[in-house]
Amino acid sequence: MKKWEKLPEYMQTDEVRKYYDILKKKGFSLFLKRLFDIIVSLILLIILSPFFLILAIAIKIDSRGPVFFRQVRVTRYGKKFRIFKFRTMVNGADKKGSQVTVKNDARITRVGKFIRKCRLDEVSQLIDVFRGTMTFVGTRPEVPKYVESYTPEMYATLLLPAGVTSNAAIYYKDESELLDASDNPDETYVKDVLPAKMYYNLKSIEKFGFFKDLGVMFKTVFAVLGKEYKGDYVPPKKAEEVIVEDIENTEKVDNECDKVEQNAEETIAENVENNEE
């Protein structure tokens, strides 16, 4: 890891320091993580090279444009890189709409629908893992636009390389469905989805360990095969909901107090009548 004073200024905060100190003590796990990335990604690239060729041919036959979608993303220490993803949308799709993809996005090609359904577009990121711009397990790389909306604590996720998979990716594997019903997918992503995903990403850094990363990889395989995983994230209540709830609770308390007061008055009146008799 870089020395603290070598980090970008926007990362040198108390919120990030907590996670930096945790990772600083995990030097051996970080070494194993990188070694694993290099060896496994190289082996998989060799084994899957015929499969890559078949996908490339299918993509080129289906629509015009390059085989790979090379969008700019953000990885470790805020460094920008161009990610390798098999193209599943029409050429230039990122300039023709939102930077998040909804379920029935018209920009997705016919072959792209199949690739997305089987999550094959992510396989080409083995190239990024081998290069070191990504790792197998880590926070999914965001476009600069969304990184700019990070809270100070969220920048802690940039202490590690961006990842192909993570607990957040597993719990939100059907993210497009969550955005599909939104009138403004970008706003929904930033306000609702991103905070939830970051909750799991930051939690993973707190409990970081090489063998825990391996566990996440196995979970990913099961998730792709259909197993459902549920997280423990609870979204914060909106300010209006809190105000309404407080008003309702206050009214309930007032009503209970009125009942107690009324019962007390009735009891006193009854006792007075009994004493007079």
C-alpha atoms as a PDB file:
ATOM      1  CA  MET A   1       0.000   0.000   0.000  1.00  0.00           C
ATOM      2  CA  LYS A   2       1.017   3.603  -0.529  1.00  0.00           C
ATOM      3  CA  LYS A   3       2.146   5.649   2.428  1.00  0.00           C
ATOM      4  CA  TRP A   4      -0.639   7.719   3.959  1.00  0.00           C
ATOM      5  CA  GLU A   5       0.857  11.039   2.829  1.00  0.00           C
ATOM      6  CA  LYS A   6       1.096   9.709  -0.753  1.00  0.00           C
ATOM      7  CA  LEU A   7      -2.657   9.150  -1.037  1.00  0.00           C
ATOM      8  CA  PRO A   8      -4.770  11.690  -2.972  1.00  0.00           C
ATOM      9  CA  GLU A   9      -5.683  14.594  -0.688  1.00  0.00           C
ATOM     10  CA  TYR A  10      -9.403  13.780  -0.813  1.00  0.00           C
ATOM     11  CA  MET A  11      -8.596  10.364   0.695  1.00  0.00           C
ATOM     12  CA  GLN A  12      -6.494  11.705   3.581  1.00  0.00           C
ATOM     13  CA  THR A  13      -9.433  12.023   5.956  1.00  0.00           C
ATOM     14  CA  ASP A  14     -10.378  10.578   9.338  1.00  0.00           C
ATOM     15  CA  GLU A  15     -13.122   8.527   7.657  1.00  0.00           C
ATOM     16  CA  VAL A  16     -10.625   6.803   5.344  1.00  0.00           C
ATOM     17  CA  ARG A  17      -7.884   6.475   7.976  1.00  0.00           C
ATOM     18  CA  LYS A  18      -9.900   3.891   9.899  1.00  0.00           C
ATOM     19  CA  TYR A  19      -9.900   1.527   6.904  1.00  0.00           C
ATOM     20  CA  TYR A  20      -6.326   2.372   5.916  1.00  0.00           C
ATOM     21  CA  ASP A  21      -5.073   1.255   9.334  1.00  0.00           C
ATOM     22  CA  ILE A  22      -6.985  -2.027   9.018  1.00  0.00           C
ATOM     23  CA  LEU A  23      -5.495  -2.839   5.600  1.00  0.00           C
ATOM     24  CA  LYS A  24      -2.017  -1.724   6.639  1.00  0.00           C
ATOM     25  CA  LYS A  25      -1.939  -4.669   9.050  1.00  0.00           C
ATOM     26  CA  LYS A  26      -2.979  -7.114   6.307  1.00  0.00           C
ATOM     27  CA  GLY A  27       0.220  -7.027   4.233  1.00  0.00           C
ATOM     28  CA  PHE A  28       0.519 -10.802   3.821  1.00  0.00           C
ATOM     29  CA  SER A  29      -3.131 -11.165   2.770  1.00  0.00           C
ATOM     30  CA  LEU A  30      -2.664  -8.350   0.243  1.00  0.00           C
ATOM     31  CA  PHE A  31       0.411 -10.127  -1.149  1.00  0.00           C
ATOM     32  CA  LEU A  32      -1.499 -13.432  -1.477  1.00  0.00           C
ATOM     33  CA  LYS A  33      -4.394 -11.579  -3.090  1.00  0.00           C
ATOM     34  CA  ARG A  34      -2.202 -10.119  -5.839  1.00  0.00           C
ATOM     35  CA  LEU A  35      -0.311 -13.383  -6.376  1.00  0.00           C
ATOM     36  CA  PHE A  36      -3.615 -15.251  -6.683  1.00  0.00           C
ATOM     37  CA  ASP A  37      -4.921 -12.652  -9.161  1.00  0.00           C
ATOM     38  CA  ILE A  38      -1.902 -13.026 -11.450  1.00  0.00           C
ATOM     39  CA  ILE A  39      -1.741 -16.830 -11.455  1.00  0.00           C
ATOM     40  CA  VAL A  40      -5.464 -17.590 -11.700  1.00  0.00           C
ATOM     41  CA  SER A  41      -6.272 -14.869 -14.253  1.00  0.00           C
ATOM     42  CA  LEU A  42      -3.428 -16.052 -16.512  1.00  0.00           C
ATOM     43  CA  ILE A  43      -4.571 -19.684 -16.336  1.00  0.00           C
ATOM     44  CA  LEU A  44      -8.192 -18.725 -17.042  1.00  0.00           C
ATOM     45  CA  LEU A  45      -7.233 -16.455 -19.932  1.00  0.00           C
ATOM     46  CA  ILE A  46      -5.379 -19.344 -21.568  1.00  0.00           C
ATOM     47  CA  ILE A  47      -8.188 -21.864 -20.965  1.00  0.00           C
ATOM     48  CA  LEU A  48     -10.973 -19.500 -22.049  1.00  0.00           C
ATOM     49  CA  SER A  49      -9.249 -18.038 -25.113  1.00  0.00           C
ATOM     50  CA  PRO A  50     -11.311 -20.229 -27.564  1.00  0.00           C
ATOM     51  CA  PHE A  51     -14.478 -19.130 -25.775  1.00  0.00           C
ATOM     52  CA  PHE A  52     -13.375 -15.480 -26.065  1.00  0.00           C
ATOM     53  CA  LEU A  53     -13.000 -15.963 -29.823  1.00  0.00           C
ATOM     54  CA  ILE A  54     -16.512 -17.406 -30.164  1.00  0.00           C
ATOM     55  CA  LEU A  55     -18.021 -14.510 -28.192  1.00  0.00           C
ATOM     56  CA  ALA A  56     -16.068 -11.991 -30.247  1.00  0.00           C
ATOM     57  CA  ILE A  57     -17.367 -13.439 -33.515  1.00  0.00           C
ATOM     58  CA  ALA A  58     -20.982 -13.488 -32.226  1.00  0.00           C
ATOM     59  CA  ILE A  59     -20.768  -9.850 -31.116  1.00  0.00           C
ATOM     60  CA  LYS A  60     -19.316  -8.687 -34.437  1.00  0.00           C
ATOM     61  CA  ILE A  61     -21.943 -10.581 -36.479  1.00  0.00           C
ATOM     62  CA  ASP A  62     -24.816  -9.242 -34.355  1.00  0.00           C
ATOM     63  CA  SER A  63     -24.018  -5.525 -34.496  1.00  0.00           C
ATOM     64  CA  ARG A  64     -21.515  -2.982 -35.697  1.00  0.00           C
ATOM     65  CA  GLY A  65     -18.815  -1.836 -33.342  1.00  0.00           C
ATOM     66  CA  PRO A  66     -15.849  -3.144 -31.338  1.00  0.00           C
ATOM     67  CA  VAL A  67     -15.827  -6.454 -29.466  1.00  0.00           C
ATOM     68  CA  PHE A  68     -15.008  -4.808 -26.160  1.00  0.00           C
ATOM     69  CA  PHE A  69     -16.738  -1.962 -24.347  1.00  0.00           C
ATOM     70  CA  ARG A  70     -13.842   0.196 -23.052  1.00  0.00           C
ATOM     71  CA  GLN A  71     -15.511   2.630 -20.658  1.00  0.00           C
ATOM     72  CA  VAL A  72     -13.463   4.779 -18.267  1.00  0.00           C
ATOM     73  CA  ARG A  73     -13.761   3.567 -14.668  1.00  0.00           C
ATOM     74  CA  VAL A  74     -12.054   4.392 -11.371  1.00  0.00           C
ATOM     75  CA  THR A  75      -9.836   1.975  -9.447  1.00  0.00           C
ATOM     76  CA  ARG A  76      -7.252   2.036  -6.633  1.00  0.00           C
ATOM     77  CA  TYR A  77      -6.191   5.481  -5.356  1.00  0.00           C
ATOM     78  CA  GLY A  78      -8.634   7.131  -7.751  1.00  0.00           C
ATOM     79  CA  LYS A  79      -6.716   6.061 -10.844  1.00  0.00           C
ATOM     80  CA  LYS A  80      -8.773   6.006 -14.055  1.00  0.00           C
ATOM     81  CA  PHE A  81      -8.577   3.085 -16.477  1.00  0.00           C
ATOM     82  CA  ARG A  82     -10.510   1.711 -19.439  1.00  0.00           C
ATOM     83  CA  ILE A  83     -12.271  -1.484 -18.428  1.00  0.00           C
ATOM     84  CA  PHE A  84     -12.524  -4.560 -20.663  1.00  0.00           C
ATOM     85  CA  LYS A  85     -16.122  -5.771 -21.010  1.00  0.00           C
ATOM     86  CA  PHE A  86     -17.617  -7.734 -23.873  1.00  0.00           C
ATOM     87  CA  ARG A  87     -19.917  -5.277 -25.623  1.00  0.00           C
ATOM     88  CA  THR A  88     -23.594  -6.022 -24.984  1.00  0.00           C
ATOM     89  CA  MET A  89     -25.078  -2.749 -26.201  1.00  0.00           C
ATOM     90  CA  VAL A  90     -25.100  -0.765 -29.439  1.00  0.00           C
ATOM     91  CA  ASN A  91     -21.878   1.080 -30.180  1.00  0.00           C
ATOM     92  CA  GLY A  92     -21.696   4.390 -28.276  1.00  0.00           C
ATOM     93  CA  ALA A  93     -24.520   3.413 -25.908  1.00  0.00           C
ATOM     94  CA  ASP A  94     -22.981   5.377 -23.014  1.00  0.00           C
ATOM     95  CA  LYS A  95     -23.505   8.562 -25.045  1.00  0.00           C
ATOM     96  CA  LYS A  96     -27.124   7.716 -25.866  1.00  0.00           C
ATOM     97  CA  GLY A  97     -28.646   7.487 -22.408  1.00  0.00           C
ATOM     98  CA  SER A  98     -28.056   6.814 -18.725  1.00  0.00           C
ATOM     99  CA  GLN A  99     -24.757   5.365 -17.515  1.00  0.00           C
ATOM    100  CA  VAL A 100     -26.646   2.682 -15.628  1.00  0.00           C
ATOM    101  CA  THR A 101     -28.526  -0.041 -17.492  1.00  0.00           C
ATOM    102  CA  VAL A 102     -32.144  -0.941 -16.777  1.00  0.00           C
ATOM    103  CA  LYS A 103     -33.674  -4.365 -17.386  1.00  0.00           C
ATOM    104  CA  ASN A 104     -35.347  -3.728 -20.747  1.00  0.00           C
ATOM    105  CA  ASP A 105     -32.845  -1.167 -22.028  1.00  0.00           C
ATOM    106  CA  ALA A 106     -33.398  -0.628 -25.760  1.00  0.00           C
ATOM    107  CA  ARG A 107     -29.640  -0.202 -26.274  1.00  0.00           C
ATOM    108  CA  ILE A 108     -28.934  -3.880 -25.493  1.00  0.00           C
ATOM    109  CA  THR A 109     -28.286  -6.029 -28.583  1.00  0.00           C
ATOM    110  CA  ARG A 110     -29.717  -9.504 -29.223  1.00  0.00           C
ATOM    111  CA  VAL A 111     -26.456 -11.265 -28.432  1.00  0.00           C
ATOM    112  CA  GLY A 112     -25.989  -8.792 -25.586  1.00  0.00           C
ATOM    113  CA  LYS A 113     -29.165 -10.031 -23.882  1.00  0.00           C
ATOM    114  CA  PHE A 114     -27.796 -13.570 -23.811  1.00  0.00           C
ATOM    115  CA  ILE A 115     -24.378 -12.421 -22.633  1.00  0.00           C
ATOM    116  CA  ARG A 116     -25.900 -10.352 -19.820  1.00  0.00           C
ATOM    117  CA  LYS A 117     -28.251 -13.125 -18.760  1.00  0.00           C
ATOM    118  CA  CYS A 118     -25.304 -15.496 -18.319  1.00  0.00           C
ATOM    119  CA  ARG A 119     -23.057 -12.671 -17.007  1.00  0.00           C
ATOM    120  CA  LEU A 120     -20.473 -13.410 -19.663  1.00  0.00           C
ATOM    121  CA  ASP A 121     -19.662  -9.730 -20.267  1.00  0.00           C
ATOM    122  CA  GLU A 122     -17.644  -9.695 -17.039  1.00  0.00           C
ATOM    123  CA  VAL A 123     -15.362 -12.598 -18.103  1.00  0.00           C
ATOM    124  CA  SER A 124     -13.162 -10.307 -20.191  1.00  0.00           C
ATOM    125  CA  GLN A 125     -12.226  -8.440 -17.018  1.00  0.00           C
ATOM    126  CA  LEU A 126      -9.709 -11.243 -16.471  1.00  0.00           C
ATOM    127  CA  ILE A 127      -7.504  -9.028 -18.650  1.00  0.00           C
ATOM    128  CA  ASP A 128      -7.856  -6.193 -16.127  1.00  0.00           C
ATOM    129  CA  VAL A 129      -7.166  -8.544 -13.220  1.00  0.00           C
ATOM    130  CA  PHE A 130      -3.954  -9.762 -14.858  1.00  0.00           C
ATOM    131  CA  ARG A 131      -2.890  -6.175 -15.567  1.00  0.00           C
ATOM    132  CA  GLY A 132      -3.502  -5.173 -11.953  1.00  0.00           C
ATOM    133  CA  THR A 133      -6.107  -2.508 -12.649  1.00  0.00           C
ATOM    134  CA  MET A 134      -8.668  -4.846 -11.076  1.00  0.00           C
ATOM    135  CA  THR A 135      -8.798  -7.759  -8.661  1.00  0.00           C
ATOM    136  CA  PHE A 136     -11.127 -10.748  -8.387  1.00  0.00           C
ATOM    137  CA  VAL A 137     -12.864  -9.536  -5.219  1.00  0.00           C
ATOM    138  CA  GLY A 138     -13.378  -5.854  -4.532  1.00  0.00           C
ATOM    139  CA  THR A 139     -15.675  -2.881  -5.009  1.00  0.00           C
ATOM    140  CA  ARG A 140     -17.105  -2.770  -8.517  1.00  0.00           C
ATOM    141  CA  PRO A 141     -15.426   0.007 -10.542  1.00  0.00           C
ATOM    142  CA  GLU A 142     -17.638   3.066 -10.945  1.00  0.00           C
ATOM    143  CA  VAL A 143     -17.556   5.704 -13.660  1.00  0.00           C
ATOM    144  CA  PRO A 144     -16.032   9.041 -12.544  1.00  0.00           C
ATOM    145  CA  LYS A 145     -19.489  10.630 -12.483  1.00  0.00           C
ATOM    146  CA  TYR A 146     -20.605   8.415  -9.597  1.00  0.00           C
ATOM    147  CA  VAL A 147     -17.275   8.574  -7.750  1.00  0.00           C
ATOM    148  CA  GLU A 148     -17.772  12.334  -7.546  1.00  0.00           C
ATOM    149  CA  SER A 149     -20.908  11.681  -5.477  1.00  0.00           C
ATOM    150  CA  TYR A 150     -19.036   9.550  -2.891  1.00  0.00           C
ATOM    151  CA  THR A 151     -19.205  10.501   0.765  1.00  0.00           C
ATOM    152  CA  PRO A 152     -15.823  10.902   2.560  1.00  0.00           C
ATOM    153  CA  GLU A 153     -16.145   7.363   3.951  1.00  0.00           C
ATOM    154  CA  MET A 154     -16.892   5.820   0.557  1.00  0.00           C
ATOM    155  CA  TYR A 155     -13.463   6.901  -0.717  1.00  0.00           C
ATOM    156  CA  ALA A 156     -12.014   4.191   1.539  1.00  0.00           C
ATOM    157  CA  THR A 157     -13.062   1.656  -1.115  1.00  0.00           C
ATOM    158  CA  LEU A 158     -10.357   3.148  -3.357  1.00  0.00           C
ATOM    159  CA  LEU A 159      -7.667   1.793  -1.032  1.00  0.00           C
ATOM    160  CA  LEU A 160      -7.948  -1.493  -2.960  1.00  0.00           C
ATOM    161  CA  PRO A 161      -8.209  -2.232  -6.685  1.00  0.00           C
ATOM    162  CA  ALA A 162     -11.701  -2.372  -8.166  1.00  0.00           C
ATOM    163  CA  GLY A 163     -13.131  -5.886  -8.236  1.00  0.00           C
ATOM    164  CA  VAL A 164     -14.908  -8.263 -10.588  1.00  0.00           C
ATOM    165  CA  THR A 165     -17.223  -9.426  -7.809  1.00  0.00           C
ATOM    166  CA  SER A 166     -18.097  -8.614  -4.196  1.00  0.00           C
ATOM    167  CA  ASN A 167     -20.777  -9.189  -1.593  1.00  0.00           C
ATOM    168  CA  ALA A 168     -22.454  -6.001  -2.827  1.00  0.00           C
ATOM    169  CA  ALA A 169     -22.530  -7.360  -6.383  1.00  0.00           C
ATOM    170  CA  ILE A 170     -24.024 -10.634  -5.115  1.00  0.00           C
ATOM    171  CA  TYR A 171     -26.790  -8.969  -3.099  1.00  0.00           C
ATOM    172  CA  TYR A 172     -27.539  -6.612  -5.993  1.00  0.00           C
ATOM    173  CA  LYS A 173     -27.127  -9.035  -8.883  1.00  0.00           C
ATOM    174  CA  ASP A 174     -30.544  -7.914 -10.198  1.00  0.00           C
ATOM    175  CA  GLU A 175     -29.715  -4.232  -9.893  1.00  0.00           C
ATOM    176  CA  SER A 176     -31.194  -3.457 -13.318  1.00  0.00           C
ATOM    177  CA  GLU A 177     -34.618  -4.573 -12.078  1.00  0.00           C
ATOM    178  CA  LEU A 178     -34.405  -2.098  -9.195  1.00  0.00           C
ATOM    179  CA  LEU A 179     -33.653   0.719 -11.629  1.00  0.00           C
ATOM    180  CA  ASP A 180     -36.144  -0.386 -14.276  1.00  0.00           C
ATOM    181  CA  ALA A 181     -39.161   1.218 -12.575  1.00  0.00           C
ATOM    182  CA  SER A 182     -37.389   4.509 -11.887  1.00  0.00           C
ATOM    183  CA  ASP A 183     -38.117   7.661 -13.885  1.00  0.00           C
ATOM    184  CA  ASN A 184     -34.555   8.776 -13.182  1.00  0.00           C
ATOM    185  CA  PRO A 185     -32.224   5.733 -12.973  1.00  0.00           C
ATOM    186  CA  ASP A 186     -29.108   7.877 -12.358  1.00  0.00           C
ATOM    187  CA  GLU A 187     -30.678   9.616  -9.364  1.00  0.00           C
ATOM    188  CA  THR A 188     -32.072   6.354  -7.987  1.00  0.00           C
ATOM    189  CA  TYR A 189     -28.666   4.713  -8.305  1.00  0.00           C
ATOM    190  CA  VAL A 190     -26.839   7.508  -6.451  1.00  0.00           C
ATOM    191  CA  LYS A 191     -29.429   8.003  -3.703  1.00  0.00           C
ATOM    192  CA  ASP A 192     -30.621   4.441  -3.079  1.00  0.00           C
ATOM    193  CA  VAL A 193     -28.455   1.752  -4.689  1.00  0.00           C
ATOM    194  CA  LEU A 194     -24.950   3.196  -4.222  1.00  0.00           C
ATOM    195  CA  PRO A 195     -25.247   3.750  -0.429  1.00  0.00           C
ATOM    196  CA  ALA A 196     -26.497   0.180   0.019  1.00  0.00           C
ATOM    197  CA  LYS A 197     -23.665  -1.306  -2.045  1.00  0.00           C
ATOM    198  CA  MET A 198     -21.103   0.828  -0.243  1.00  0.00           C
ATOM    199  CA  TYR A 199     -22.388  -0.457   3.088  1.00  0.00           C
ATOM    200  CA  TYR A 200     -21.274  -3.964   2.083  1.00  0.00           C
ATOM    201  CA  ASN A 201     -18.062  -2.774   0.413  1.00  0.00           C
ATOM    202  CA  LEU A 202     -16.903  -0.929   3.534  1.00  0.00           C
ATOM    203  CA  LYS A 203     -17.927  -3.848   5.713  1.00  0.00           C
ATOM    204  CA  SER A 204     -15.756  -6.130   3.548  1.00  0.00           C
ATOM    205  CA  ILE A 205     -12.732  -3.886   4.098  1.00  0.00           C
ATOM    206  CA  GLU A 206     -13.288  -3.978   7.860  1.00  0.00           C
ATOM    207  CA  LYS A 207     -13.203  -7.790   7.746  1.00  0.00           C
ATOM    208  CA  PHE A 208     -10.692  -8.101   4.907  1.00  0.00           C
ATOM    209  CA  GLY A 209      -8.788 -11.364   4.526  1.00  0.00           C
ATOM    210  CA  PHE A 210      -7.516 -13.429   1.602  1.00  0.00           C
ATOM    211  CA  PHE A 211      -9.561 -16.521   2.499  1.00  0.00           C
ATOM    212  CA  LYS A 212     -12.687 -14.415   2.951  1.00  0.00           C
ATOM    213  CA  ASP A 213     -12.148 -13.244  -0.624  1.00  0.00           C
ATOM    214  CA  LEU A 214     -12.121 -16.872  -1.728  1.00  0.00           C
ATOM    215  CA  GLY A 215     -15.437 -17.344   0.070  1.00  0.00           C
ATOM    216  CA  VAL A 216     -16.945 -14.443  -1.874  1.00  0.00           C
ATOM    217  CA  MET A 217     -15.792 -16.029  -5.143  1.00  0.00           C
ATOM    218  CA  PHE A 218     -17.574 -19.289  -4.272  1.00  0.00           C
ATOM    219  CA  LYS A 219     -20.706 -17.338  -3.297  1.00  0.00           C
ATOM    220  CA  THR A 220     -20.567 -15.615  -6.681  1.00  0.00           C
ATOM    221  CA  VAL A 221     -20.563 -18.957  -8.498  1.00  0.00           C
ATOM    222  CA  PHE A 222     -23.594 -20.134  -6.507  1.00  0.00           C
ATOM    223  CA  ALA A 223     -25.364 -16.805  -7.118  1.00  0.00           C
ATOM    224  CA  VAL A 224     -24.847 -17.131 -10.879  1.00  0.00           C
ATOM    225  CA  LEU A 225     -26.281 -20.666 -10.669  1.00  0.00           C
ATOM    226  CA  GLY A 226     -29.426 -19.293  -9.040  1.00  0.00           C
ATOM    227  CA  LYS A 227     -28.859 -19.285  -5.285  1.00  0.00           C
ATOM    228  CA  GLU A 228     -30.370 -16.244  -3.581  1.00  0.00           C
ATOM    229  CA  TYR A 229     -28.449 -14.300  -0.941  1.00  0.00           C
ATOM    230  CA  LYS A 230     -29.918 -11.577   1.257  1.00  0.00           C
ATOM    231  CA  GLY A 231     -27.936  -8.858   3.008  1.00  0.00           C
ATOM    232  CA  ASP A 232     -28.586  -7.027   6.261  1.00  0.00           C
ATOM    233  CA  TYR A 233     -28.604  -3.461   4.939  1.00  0.00           C
ATOM    234  CA  VAL A 234     -31.445  -1.317   6.281  1.00  0.00           C
ATOM    235  CA  PRO A 235     -31.964   1.920   4.323  1.00  0.00           C
ATOM    236  CA  PRO A 236     -32.099   5.082   6.444  1.00  0.00           C
ATOM    237  CA  LYS A 237     -35.539   6.581   6.738  1.00  0.00           C
ATOM    238  CA  LYS A 238     -36.211   9.675   4.729  1.00  0.00           C
ATOM    239  CA  ALA A 239     -36.531  12.886   6.726  1.00  0.00           C
ATOM    240  CA  GLU A 240     -40.212  13.275   5.860  1.00  0.00           C
ATOM    241  CA  GLU A 241     -40.976   9.737   7.052  1.00  0.00           C
ATOM    242  CA  VAL A 242     -39.189  10.384  10.345  1.00  0.00           C
ATOM    243  CA  ILE A 243     -41.144  13.614  10.899  1.00  0.00           C
ATOM    244  CA  VAL A 244     -44.458  11.922  10.132  1.00  0.00           C
ATOM    245  CA  GLU A 245     -43.597   9.012  12.423  1.00  0.00           C
ATOM    246  CA  ASP A 246     -42.637  11.398  15.250  1.00  0.00           C
ATOM    247  CA  ILE A 247     -45.930  13.253  14.878  1.00  0.00           C
ATOM    248  CA  GLU A 248     -47.879   9.988  14.921  1.00  0.00           C
ATOM    249  CA  ASN A 249     -45.983   8.771  17.996  1.00  0.00           C
ATOM    250  CA  THR A 250     -46.594  12.090  19.774  1.00  0.00           C
ATOM    251  CA  GLU A 251     -50.317  11.868  19.014  1.00  0.00           C
ATOM    252  CA  LYS A 252     -50.397   8.289  20.347  1.00  0.00           C
ATOM    253  CA  VAL A 253     -48.700   9.368  23.580  1.00  0.00           C
ATOM    254  CA  ASP A 254     -51.093  12.310  23.958  1.00  0.00           C
ATOM    255  CA  ASN A 255     -54.088  10.002  23.440  1.00  0.00           C
ATOM    256  CA  GLU A 256     -52.775   7.548  26.032  1.00  0.00           C
ATOM    257  CA  CYS A 257     -52.230  10.394  28.499  1.00  0.00           C
ATOM    258  CA  ASP A 258     -55.774  11.630  27.900  1.00  0.00           C
ATOM    259  CA  LYS A 259     -57.124   8.137  28.584  1.00  0.00           C
ATOM    260  CA  VAL A 260     -55.119   7.826  31.806  1.00  0.00           C
ATOM    261  CA  GLU A 261     -56.264  11.275  32.951  1.00  0.00           C
ATOM    262  CA  GLN A 262     -59.889  10.483  32.128  1.00  0.00           C
ATOM    263  CA  ASN A 263     -59.730   7.159  34.013  1.00  0.00           C
ATOM    264  CA  ALA A 264     -58.171   8.884  37.001  1.00  0.00           C
ATOM    265  CA  GLU A 265     -60.917  11.528  37.067  1.00  0.00           C
ATOM    266  CA  GLU A 266     -63.606   8.853  36.833  1.00  0.00           C
ATOM    267  CA  THR A 267     -61.989   6.860  39.670  1.00  0.00           C
ATOM    268  CA  ILE A 268     -61.756   9.932  41.905  1.00  0.00           C
ATOM    269  CA  ALA A 269     -65.360  10.881  41.189  1.00  0.00           C
ATOM    270  CA  GLU A 270     -66.474   7.342  41.963  1.00  0.00           C
ATOM    271  CA  ASN A 271     -64.567   7.303  45.269  1.00  0.00           C
ATOM    272  CA  VAL A 272     -66.082  10.653  46.271  1.00  0.00           C
ATOM    273  CA  GLU A 273     -69.589   9.331  45.595  1.00  0.00           C
ATOM    274  CA  ASN A 274     -68.915   6.195  47.655  1.00  0.00           C
ATOM    275  CA  ASN A 275     -67.623   8.238  50.569  1.00  0.00           C
ATOM    276  CA  GLU A 276     -70.706  10.505  50.521  1.00  0.00           C
ATOM    277  CA  GLU A 277     -72.955   7.455  50.691  1.00  0.00           C
END
